[in-house]
C-alpha atoms as a PDB file:
ATOM      1  CA  MET A   1      -1.284  18.669  -3.946  1.00  0.00           C
ATOM      2  CA  ILE A   2       0.726  16.600  -6.358  1.00  0.00           C
ATOM      3  CA  ARG A   3       1.075  12.907  -5.655  1.00  0.00           C
ATOM      4  CA  VAL A   4       3.777  10.828  -7.255  1.00  0.00           C
ATOM      5  CA  ASN A   5       3.790   7.058  -7.327  1.00  0.00           C
ATOM      6  CA  ASN A   6       6.052   4.381  -8.690  1.00  0.00           C
ATOM      7  CA  ARG A   7       4.717   0.884  -9.218  1.00  0.00           C
ATOM      8  CA  LYS A   8       8.142  -0.632  -8.586  1.00  0.00           C
ATOM      9  CA  VAL A   9       8.154   0.762  -5.054  1.00  0.00           C
ATOM     10  CA  LEU A  10       4.745  -0.764  -4.399  1.00  0.00           C
ATOM     11  CA  ASP A  11       5.785  -4.045  -6.013  1.00  0.00           C
ATOM     12  CA  GLY A  12       8.806  -4.117  -3.704  1.00  0.00           C
ATOM     13  CA  VAL A  13       6.570  -3.585  -0.697  1.00  0.00           C
ATOM     14  CA  MET A  14       4.352  -6.443  -1.881  1.00  0.00           C
ATOM     15  CA  GLU A  15       7.433  -8.688  -2.186  1.00  0.00           C
ATOM     16  CA  ALA A  16       8.511  -7.718   1.315  1.00  0.00           C
ATOM     17  CA  ILE A  17       5.201  -8.703   2.897  1.00  0.00           C
ATOM     18  CA  GLY A  18       4.930 -11.883   0.851  1.00  0.00           C
ATOM     19  CA  VAL A  19       2.178 -10.940  -1.591  1.00  0.00           C
ATOM     20  CA  THR A  20       3.190 -12.521  -4.884  1.00  0.00           C
ATOM     21  CA  ASP A  21      -0.143 -13.411  -6.497  1.00  0.00           C
ATOM     22  CA  GLU A  22      -0.968 -10.813  -9.180  1.00  0.00           C
ATOM     23  CA  GLY A  23      -4.690 -10.911  -8.403  1.00  0.00           C
ATOM     24  CA  GLN A  24      -4.048 -10.302  -4.729  1.00  0.00           C
ATOM     25  CA  LYS A  25      -1.621  -7.467  -5.528  1.00  0.00           C
ATOM     26  CA  LEU A  26      -4.258  -5.825  -7.692  1.00  0.00           C
ATOM     27  CA  ALA A  27      -6.805  -6.123  -4.871  1.00  0.00           C
ATOM     28  CA  VAL A  28      -4.318  -4.488  -2.483  1.00  0.00           C
ATOM     29  CA  PHE A  29      -3.633  -1.624  -4.904  1.00  0.00           C
ATOM     30  CA  ARG A  30      -7.370  -1.075  -5.427  1.00  0.00           C
ATOM     31  CA  ALA A  31      -7.920  -0.984  -1.676  1.00  0.00           C
ATOM     32  CA  ILE A  32      -5.119   1.533  -1.148  1.00  0.00           C
ATOM     33  CA  ASP A  33      -6.594   3.739  -3.877  1.00  0.00           C
ATOM     34  CA  LYS A  34      -9.783   3.965  -1.782  1.00  0.00           C
ATOM     35  CA  LEU A  35      -8.064   5.510   1.247  1.00  0.00           C
ATOM     36  CA  ASP A  36      -9.452   9.002   0.626  1.00  0.00           C
ATOM     37  CA  LYS A  37     -12.944   7.647  -0.059  1.00  0.00           C
ATOM     38  CA  PHE A  38     -13.322   5.026   2.710  1.00  0.00           C
ATOM     39  CA  GLY A  39     -10.729   6.079   5.291  1.00  0.00           C
ATOM     40  CA  VAL A  40      -8.364   3.870   7.243  1.00  0.00           C
ATOM     41  CA  GLU A  41     -10.992   1.504   8.654  1.00  0.00           C
ATOM     42  CA  GLY A  42     -12.654   0.933   5.278  1.00  0.00           C
ATOM     43  CA  VAL A  43      -9.324   0.212   3.619  1.00  0.00           C
ATOM     44  CA  LYS A  44      -8.354  -2.196   6.409  1.00  0.00           C
ATOM     45  CA  LEU A  45     -11.539  -4.130   5.658  1.00  0.00           C
ATOM     46  CA  LEU A  46     -10.745  -4.152   1.929  1.00  0.00           C
ATOM     47  CA  LEU A  47      -7.232  -5.386   2.606  1.00  0.00           C
ATOM     48  CA  GLY A  48      -8.646  -8.160   4.761  1.00  0.00           C
ATOM     49  CA  GLU A  49     -11.794 -10.194   4.127  1.00  0.00           C
ATOM     50  CA  GLY A  50     -13.870  -7.424   2.593  1.00  0.00           C
ATOM     51  CA  ARG A  51     -16.204  -4.521   3.233  1.00  0.00           C
ATOM     52  CA  LYS A  52     -19.972  -4.183   3.362  1.00  0.00           C
ATOM     53  CA  ASP A  53     -21.282  -0.724   2.444  1.00  0.00           C
ATOM     54  CA  GLU A  54     -24.359   1.086   3.769  1.00  0.00           C
ATOM     55  CA  SER A  55     -26.611  -0.537   1.139  1.00  0.00           C
ATOM     56  CA  GLY A  56     -25.508  -4.014   2.190  1.00  0.00           C
ATOM     57  CA  ASP A  57     -23.377  -4.654  -0.898  1.00  0.00           C
ATOM     58  CA  PHE A  58     -20.246  -6.644  -0.098  1.00  0.00           C
ATOM     59  CA  THR A  59     -16.896  -6.066  -1.777  1.00  0.00           C
ATOM     60  CA  LYS A  60     -14.488  -8.965  -1.430  1.00  0.00           C
ATOM     61  CA  GLY A  61     -11.151  -7.968   0.071  1.00  0.00           C
ATOM     62  CA  ALA A  62      -7.570  -8.832  -0.733  1.00  0.00           C
ATOM     63  CA  GLY A  63      -7.497 -11.546   1.935  1.00  0.00           C
ATOM     64  CA  LEU A  64      -4.431 -10.331   3.830  1.00  0.00           C
ATOM     65  CA  ASP A  65      -3.947 -11.374   7.443  1.00  0.00           C
ATOM     66  CA  ALA A  66      -4.023  -8.743  10.201  1.00  0.00           C
ATOM     67  CA  GLY A  67      -0.217  -8.508  10.413  1.00  0.00           C
ATOM     68  CA  ARG A  68       0.145  -7.644   6.741  1.00  0.00           C
ATOM     69  CA  VAL A  69      -2.775  -5.220   6.880  1.00  0.00           C
ATOM     70  CA  ASN A  70      -1.179  -3.402   9.814  1.00  0.00           C
ATOM     71  CA  ARG A  71       2.213  -3.203   8.100  1.00  0.00           C
ATOM     72  CA  LEU A  72       0.630  -1.673   5.013  1.00  0.00           C
ATOM     73  CA  MET A  73      -1.461   0.762   7.017  1.00  0.00           C
ATOM     74  CA  GLU A  74       1.674   1.966   8.812  1.00  0.00           C
ATOM     75  CA  LEU A  75       3.044   2.861   5.415  1.00  0.00           C
ATOM     76  CA  PHE A  76      -0.061   4.711   4.256  1.00  0.00           C
ATOM     77  CA  ALA A  77      -0.893   6.501   7.497  1.00  0.00           C
ATOM     78  CA  LYS A  78      -1.366  10.186   6.797  1.00  0.00           C
ATOM     79  CA  VAL A  79       1.321  12.087   8.626  1.00  0.00           C
ATOM     80  CA  GLU A  80       3.265  15.135   7.579  1.00  0.00           C
ATOM     81  CA  GLN A  81       6.692  13.962   6.493  1.00  0.00           C
ATOM     82  CA  THR A  82       9.521  15.117   4.315  1.00  0.00           C
ATOM     83  CA  HIS A  83      10.406  13.251   1.124  1.00  0.00           C
ATOM     84  CA  ALA A  84      13.381  11.638   2.872  1.00  0.00           C
ATOM     85  CA  GLU A  85      11.207  10.522   5.788  1.00  0.00           C
ATOM     86  CA  VAL A  86       8.695   8.893   3.436  1.00  0.00           C
ATOM     87  CA  LEU A  87      11.490   7.029   1.643  1.00  0.00           C
ATOM     88  CA  GLU A  88      12.872   5.865   4.991  1.00  0.00           C
ATOM     89  CA  ARG A  89       9.413   4.684   6.036  1.00  0.00           C
ATOM     90  CA  VAL A  90       9.005   2.645   2.843  1.00  0.00           C
ATOM     91  CA  SER A  91      12.540   1.263   3.156  1.00  0.00           C
ATOM     92  CA  SER A  92      11.884   0.129   6.712  1.00  0.00           C
ATOM     93  CA  LEU A  93       8.797  -1.758   5.554  1.00  0.00           C
ATOM     94  CA  ALA A  94      10.141  -3.160   2.295  1.00  0.00           C
ATOM     95  CA  GLY A  95      13.672  -3.802   3.430  1.00  0.00           C
ATOM     96  CA  ALA A  96      16.466  -3.760   0.908  1.00  0.00           C
ATOM     97  CA  ASN A  97      15.060  -5.333  -2.203  1.00  0.00           C
ATOM     98  CA  HIS A  98      16.006  -4.670  -5.785  1.00  0.00           C
ATOM     99  CA  THR A  99      12.515  -3.774  -6.986  1.00  0.00           C
ATOM    100  CA  THR A 100      12.003  -1.066  -4.370  1.00  0.00           C
ATOM    101  CA  GLU A 101      15.478   0.360  -4.946  1.00  0.00           C
ATOM    102  CA  ARG A 102      14.824   0.686  -8.706  1.00  0.00           C
ATOM    103  CA  GLY A 103      11.585   2.485  -7.928  1.00  0.00           C
ATOM    104  CA  PHE A 104      13.390   4.873  -5.573  1.00  0.00           C
ATOM    105  CA  GLN A 105      15.976   5.624  -8.261  1.00  0.00           C
ATOM    106  CA  GLU A 106      13.229   6.481 -10.754  1.00  0.00           C
ATOM    107  CA  LEU A 107      11.482   8.721  -8.221  1.00  0.00           C
ATOM    108  CA  ASP A 108      14.762  10.499  -7.489  1.00  0.00           C
ATOM    109  CA  GLN A 109      15.089  11.317 -11.179  1.00  0.00           C
ATOM    110  CA  ILE A 110      11.846  13.309 -11.150  1.00  0.00           C
ATOM    111  CA  SER A 111      12.239  15.024  -7.793  1.00  0.00           C
END
């Protein structure tokens, strides 16, 4: 499996849900990167207040409210979709913003 990402698309999504603080964005991106390792529920915790692992260690979360967490998780839910369907899904979440559109254009150049 080959995965392709464009930071501009993710930055546009962050703009759309009102995450503008760079530290919070970084925490969101780190949480999303853990999806394969921790699954949906673990990532939801990391997007929110934080997650305690089996050893009792606590990792502080991104601090997003439940509405923002749910919007992001809709985007990253694992479903079989075509390239066009994925782009439509991101567009519906991010809306029409310049940052996301530039990211889409760059992704189109490599696909």
